[in-house]
């Protein structure tokens, strides 16, 4: 499950970078970035518990 969370976070960061530099869609891209950062932080926290 943690690998899936990490994969989703990386994909969201990639989509954010593409959207930020290419399309400038607006607030949705930044929301994706926030979700990706939260997912990475959660993975780091859960990784330390194990």
PDB file of N, CA and C in Angstrom:
ATOM      1  N   UNK A   1       0.827  -1.192   0.000  1.00  0.00           N
ATOM      2  CA  UNK A   1       0.000   0.000   0.000  1.00  0.00           C
ATOM      3  C   UNK A   1       0.870   1.255   0.000  1.00  0.00           C
ATOM      4  N   UNK A   2       1.997   1.219   0.700  1.00  0.00           N
ATOM      5  CA  UNK A   2       2.845   2.403   0.754  1.00  0.00           C
ATOM      6  C   UNK A   2       3.501   2.668  -0.599  1.00  0.00           C
ATOM      7  N   UNK A   3       3.809   1.612  -1.355  1.00  0.00           N
ATOM      8  CA  UNK A   3       4.355   1.812  -2.693  1.00  0.00           C
ATOM      9  C   UNK A   3       3.338   2.478  -3.608  1.00  0.00           C
ATOM     10  N   UNK A   4       2.082   2.112  -3.466  1.00  0.00           N
ATOM     11  CA  UNK A   4       1.024   2.726  -4.257  1.00  0.00           C
ATOM     12  C   UNK A   4       0.905   4.205  -3.919  1.00  0.00           C
ATOM     13  N   UNK A   5       0.963   4.532  -2.640  1.00  0.00           N
ATOM     14  CA  UNK A   5       0.878   5.919  -2.202  1.00  0.00           C
ATOM     15  C   UNK A   5       2.038   6.733  -2.760  1.00  0.00           C
ATOM     16  N   UNK A   6       3.220   6.171  -2.718  1.00  0.00           N
ATOM     17  CA  UNK A   6       4.397   6.853  -3.245  1.00  0.00           C
ATOM     18  C   UNK A   6       4.289   7.036  -4.759  1.00  0.00           C
ATOM     19  N   UNK A   7       3.802   6.025  -5.458  1.00  0.00           N
ATOM     20  CA  UNK A   7       3.634   6.106  -6.906  1.00  0.00           C
ATOM     21  C   UNK A   7       2.636   7.193  -7.273  1.00  0.00           C
ATOM     22  N   UNK A   8       1.512   7.245  -6.575  1.00  0.00           N
ATOM     23  CA  UNK A   8       0.508   8.272  -6.830  1.00  0.00           C
ATOM     24  C   UNK A   8       1.095   9.663  -6.588  1.00  0.00           C
ATOM     25  N   UNK A   9       1.873   9.814  -5.537  1.00  0.00           N
ATOM     26  CA  UNK A   9       2.482  11.102  -5.235  1.00  0.00           C
ATOM     27  C   UNK A   9       3.429  11.533  -6.349  1.00  0.00           C
ATOM     28  N   UNK A  10       4.235  10.620  -6.841  1.00  0.00           N
ATOM     29  CA  UNK A  10       5.172  10.947  -7.918  1.00  0.00           C
ATOM     30  C   UNK A  10       4.413  11.328  -9.190  1.00  0.00           C
ATOM     31  N   UNK A  11       3.371  10.592  -9.504  1.00  0.00           N
ATOM     32  CA  UNK A  11       2.571  10.906 -10.690  1.00  0.00           C
ATOM     33  C   UNK A  11       1.936  12.281 -10.563  1.00  0.00           C
ATOM     34  N   UNK A  12       1.413  12.605  -9.392  1.00  0.00           N
ATOM     35  CA  UNK A  12       0.804  13.913  -9.191  1.00  0.00           C
ATOM     36  C   UNK A  12       1.830  15.036  -9.312  1.00  0.00           C
ATOM     37  N   UNK A  13       3.031  14.811  -8.805  1.00  0.00           N
ATOM     38  CA  UNK A  13       4.079  15.823  -8.932  1.00  0.00           C
ATOM     39  C   UNK A  13       4.444  16.026 -10.401  1.00  0.00           C
ATOM     40  N   UNK A  14       4.516  14.942 -11.165  1.00  0.00           N
ATOM     41  CA  UNK A  14       4.826  15.053 -12.592  1.00  0.00           C
ATOM     42  C   UNK A  14       3.721  15.820 -13.318  1.00  0.00           C
ATOM     43  N   UNK A  15       2.461  15.490 -13.024  1.00  0.00           N
ATOM     44  CA  UNK A  15       1.355  16.212 -13.646  1.00  0.00           C
ATOM     45  C   UNK A  15       1.370  17.686 -13.276  1.00  0.00           C
ATOM     46  N   UNK A  16       1.702  17.981 -12.023  1.00  0.00           N
ATOM     47  CA  UNK A  16       1.777  19.372 -11.599  1.00  0.00           C
ATOM     48  C   UNK A  16       2.856  20.108 -12.378  1.00  0.00           C
ATOM     49  N   UNK A  17       4.014  19.495 -12.525  1.00  0.00           N
ATOM     50  CA  UNK A  17       5.111  20.143 -13.239  1.00  0.00           C
ATOM     51  C   UNK A  17       4.734  20.394 -14.696  1.00  0.00           C
ATOM     52  N   UNK A  18       4.111  19.410 -15.331  1.00  0.00           N
ATOM     53  CA  UNK A  18       3.692  19.576 -16.724  1.00  0.00           C
ATOM     54  C   UNK A  18       2.657  20.691 -16.828  1.00  0.00           C
ATOM     55  N   UNK A  19       1.681  20.672 -15.961  1.00  0.00           N
ATOM     56  CA  UNK A  19       0.631  21.691 -15.994  1.00  0.00           C
ATOM     57  C   UNK A  19       1.150  23.076 -15.655  1.00  0.00           C
ATOM     58  N   UNK A  20       2.067  23.144 -14.714  1.00  0.00           N
ATOM     59  CA  UNK A  20       2.585  24.434 -14.282  1.00  0.00           C
ATOM     60  C   UNK A  20       3.405  25.090 -15.382  1.00  0.00           C
ATOM     61  N   UNK A  21       4.233  24.310 -16.054  1.00  0.00           N
ATOM     62  CA  UNK A  21       5.121  24.882 -17.054  1.00  0.00           C
ATOM     63  C   UNK A  21       4.497  24.950 -18.446  1.00  0.00           C
ATOM     64  N   UNK A  22       3.526  24.112 -18.756  1.00  0.00           N
ATOM     65  CA  UNK A  22       3.017  24.051 -20.119  1.00  0.00           C
ATOM     66  C   UNK A  22       1.641  24.705 -20.284  1.00  0.00           C
ATOM     67  N   UNK A  23       0.735  24.449 -19.378  1.00  0.00           N
ATOM     68  CA  UNK A  23      -0.648  24.837 -19.624  1.00  0.00           C
ATOM     69  C   UNK A  23      -1.171  25.944 -18.711  1.00  0.00           C
ATOM     70  N   UNK A  24      -0.642  26.051 -17.528  1.00  0.00           N
ATOM     71  CA  UNK A  24      -1.098  27.045 -16.550  1.00  0.00           C
ATOM     72  C   UNK A  24      -2.616  26.979 -16.364  1.00  0.00           C
ATOM     73  N   UNK A  25      -3.082  25.821 -15.937  1.00  0.00           N
ATOM     74  CA  UNK A  25      -4.512  25.567 -15.799  1.00  0.00           C
ATOM     75  C   UNK A  25      -5.119  26.386 -14.667  1.00  0.00           C
ATOM     76  N   UNK A  26      -4.387  26.569 -13.597  1.00  0.00           N
ATOM     77  CA  UNK A  26      -4.925  27.355 -12.492  1.00  0.00           C
ATOM     78  C   UNK A  26      -4.809  26.621 -11.184  1.00  0.00           C
ATOM     79  N   UNK A  27      -5.812  26.782 -10.346  1.00  0.00           N
ATOM     80  CA  UNK A  27      -5.777  26.254  -8.993  1.00  0.00           C
ATOM     81  C   UNK A  27      -5.765  24.742  -8.898  1.00  0.00           C
ATOM     82  N   UNK A  28      -6.300  24.057  -9.897  1.00  0.00           N
ATOM     83  CA  UNK A  28      -6.368  22.593  -9.835  1.00  0.00           C
ATOM     84  C   UNK A  28      -4.969  21.983  -9.799  1.00  0.00           C
ATOM     85  N   UNK A  29      -4.047  22.547 -10.538  1.00  0.00           N
ATOM     86  CA  UNK A  29      -2.685  22.024 -10.575  1.00  0.00           C
ATOM     87  C   UNK A  29      -2.029  22.167  -9.205  1.00  0.00           C
ATOM     88  N   UNK A  30      -2.264  23.273  -8.549  1.00  0.00           N
ATOM     89  CA  UNK A  30      -1.669  23.483  -7.238  1.00  0.00           C
ATOM     90  C   UNK A  30      -2.292  22.571  -6.184  1.00  0.00           C
ATOM     91  N   UNK A  31      -3.563  22.271  -6.347  1.00  0.00           N
ATOM     92  CA  UNK A  31      -4.205  21.307  -5.449  1.00  0.00           C
ATOM     93  C   UNK A  31      -3.568  19.930  -5.632  1.00  0.00           C
ATOM     94  N   UNK A  32      -3.269  19.555  -6.879  1.00  0.00           N
ATOM     95  CA  UNK A  32      -2.583  18.290  -7.128  1.00  0.00           C
ATOM     96  C   UNK A  32      -1.217  18.263  -6.457  1.00  0.00           C
ATOM     97  N   UNK A  33      -0.508  19.373  -6.499  1.00  0.00           N
ATOM     98  CA  UNK A  33       0.799  19.443  -5.848  1.00  0.00           C
ATOM     99  C   UNK A  33       0.661  19.263  -4.345  1.00  0.00           C
ATOM    100  N   UNK A  34      -0.310  19.904  -3.750  1.00  0.00           N
ATOM    101  CA  UNK A  34      -0.515  19.792  -2.308  1.00  0.00           C
ATOM    102  C   UNK A  34      -0.834  18.345  -1.931  1.00  0.00           C
ATOM    103  N   UNK A  35      -1.689  17.698  -2.715  1.00  0.00           N
ATOM    104  CA  UNK A  35      -2.025  16.297  -2.450  1.00  0.00           C
ATOM    105  C   UNK A  35      -0.782  15.420  -2.562  1.00  0.00           C
ATOM    106  N   UNK A  36       0.047  15.671  -3.562  1.00  0.00           N
ATOM    107  CA  UNK A  36       1.265  14.879  -3.742  1.00  0.00           C
ATOM    108  C   UNK A  36       2.225  15.075  -2.580  1.00  0.00           C
ATOM    109  N   UNK A  37       2.393  16.301  -2.129  1.00  0.00           N
ATOM    110  CA  UNK A  37       3.296  16.577  -1.006  1.00  0.00           C
ATOM    111  C   UNK A  37       2.781  15.901   0.262  1.00  0.00           C
ATOM    112  N   UNK A  38       1.489  15.971   0.502  1.00  0.00           N
ATOM    113  CA  UNK A  38       0.907  15.310   1.677  1.00  0.00           C
ATOM    114  C   UNK A  38       1.121  13.799   1.596  1.00  0.00           C
ATOM    115  N   UNK A  39       0.960  13.223   0.404  1.00  0.00           N
ATOM    116  CA  UNK A  39       1.157  11.782   0.238  1.00  0.00           C
ATOM    117  C   UNK A  39       2.602  11.388   0.530  1.00  0.00           C
ATOM    118  N   UNK A  40       3.559  12.193   0.069  1.00  0.00           N
ATOM    119  CA  UNK A  40       4.972  11.898   0.339  1.00  0.00           C
ATOM    120  C   UNK A  40       5.262  12.013   1.830  1.00  0.00           C
ATOM    121  N   UNK A  41       4.734  13.027   2.483  1.00  0.00           N
ATOM    122  CA  UNK A  41       4.946  13.198   3.923  1.00  0.00           C
ATOM    123  C   UNK A  41       4.351  12.026   4.696  1.00  0.00           C
ATOM    124  N   UNK A  42       3.158  11.606   4.305  1.00  0.00           N
ATOM    125  CA  UNK A  42       2.541  10.456   4.973  1.00  0.00           C
ATOM    126  C   UNK A  42       3.381   9.201   4.781  1.00  0.00           C
ATOM    127  N   UNK A  43       3.935   9.026   3.599  1.00  0.00           N
ATOM    128  CA  UNK A  43       4.777   7.854   3.355  1.00  0.00           C
ATOM    129  C   UNK A  43       6.034   7.893   4.215  1.00  0.00           C
ATOM    130  N   UNK A  44       6.633   9.058   4.346  1.00  0.00           N
ATOM    131  CA  UNK A  44       7.824   9.177   5.192  1.00  0.00           C
ATOM    132  C   UNK A  44       7.502   8.890   6.648  1.00  0.00           C
ATOM    133  N   UNK A  45       6.381   9.400   7.118  1.00  0.00           N
ATOM    134  CA  UNK A  45       5.976   9.165   8.506  1.00  0.00           C
ATOM    135  C   UNK A  45       5.688   7.681   8.735  1.00  0.00           C
ATOM    136  N   UNK A  46       4.965   7.053   7.823  1.00  0.00           N
ATOM    137  CA  UNK A  46       4.635   5.639   7.973  1.00  0.00           C
ATOM    138  C   UNK A  46       5.888   4.769   7.825  1.00  0.00           C
ATOM    139  N   UNK A  47       6.840   5.184   7.035  1.00  0.00           N
ATOM    140  CA  UNK A  47       8.059   4.424   6.864  1.00  0.00           C
ATOM    141  C   UNK A  47       8.899   4.394   8.137  1.00  0.00           C
ATOM    142  N   UNK A  48       8.872   5.462   8.892  1.00  0.00           N
ATOM    143  CA  UNK A  48       9.642   5.515  10.148  1.00  0.00           C
ATOM    144  C   UNK A  48       9.025   4.659  11.230  1.00  0.00           C
ATOM    145  N   UNK A  49       7.707   4.492  11.203  1.00  0.00           N
ATOM    146  CA  UNK A  49       7.053   3.656  12.208  1.00  0.00           C
ATOM    147  C   UNK A  49       7.401   2.187  12.025  1.00  0.00           C
ATOM    148  N   UNK A  50       7.564   1.778  10.763  1.00  0.00           N
ATOM    149  CA  UNK A  50       7.846   0.372  10.500  1.00  0.00           C
ATOM    150  C   UNK A  50       9.278   0.119  10.828  1.00  0.00           C
TER     151      UNK A  50
END
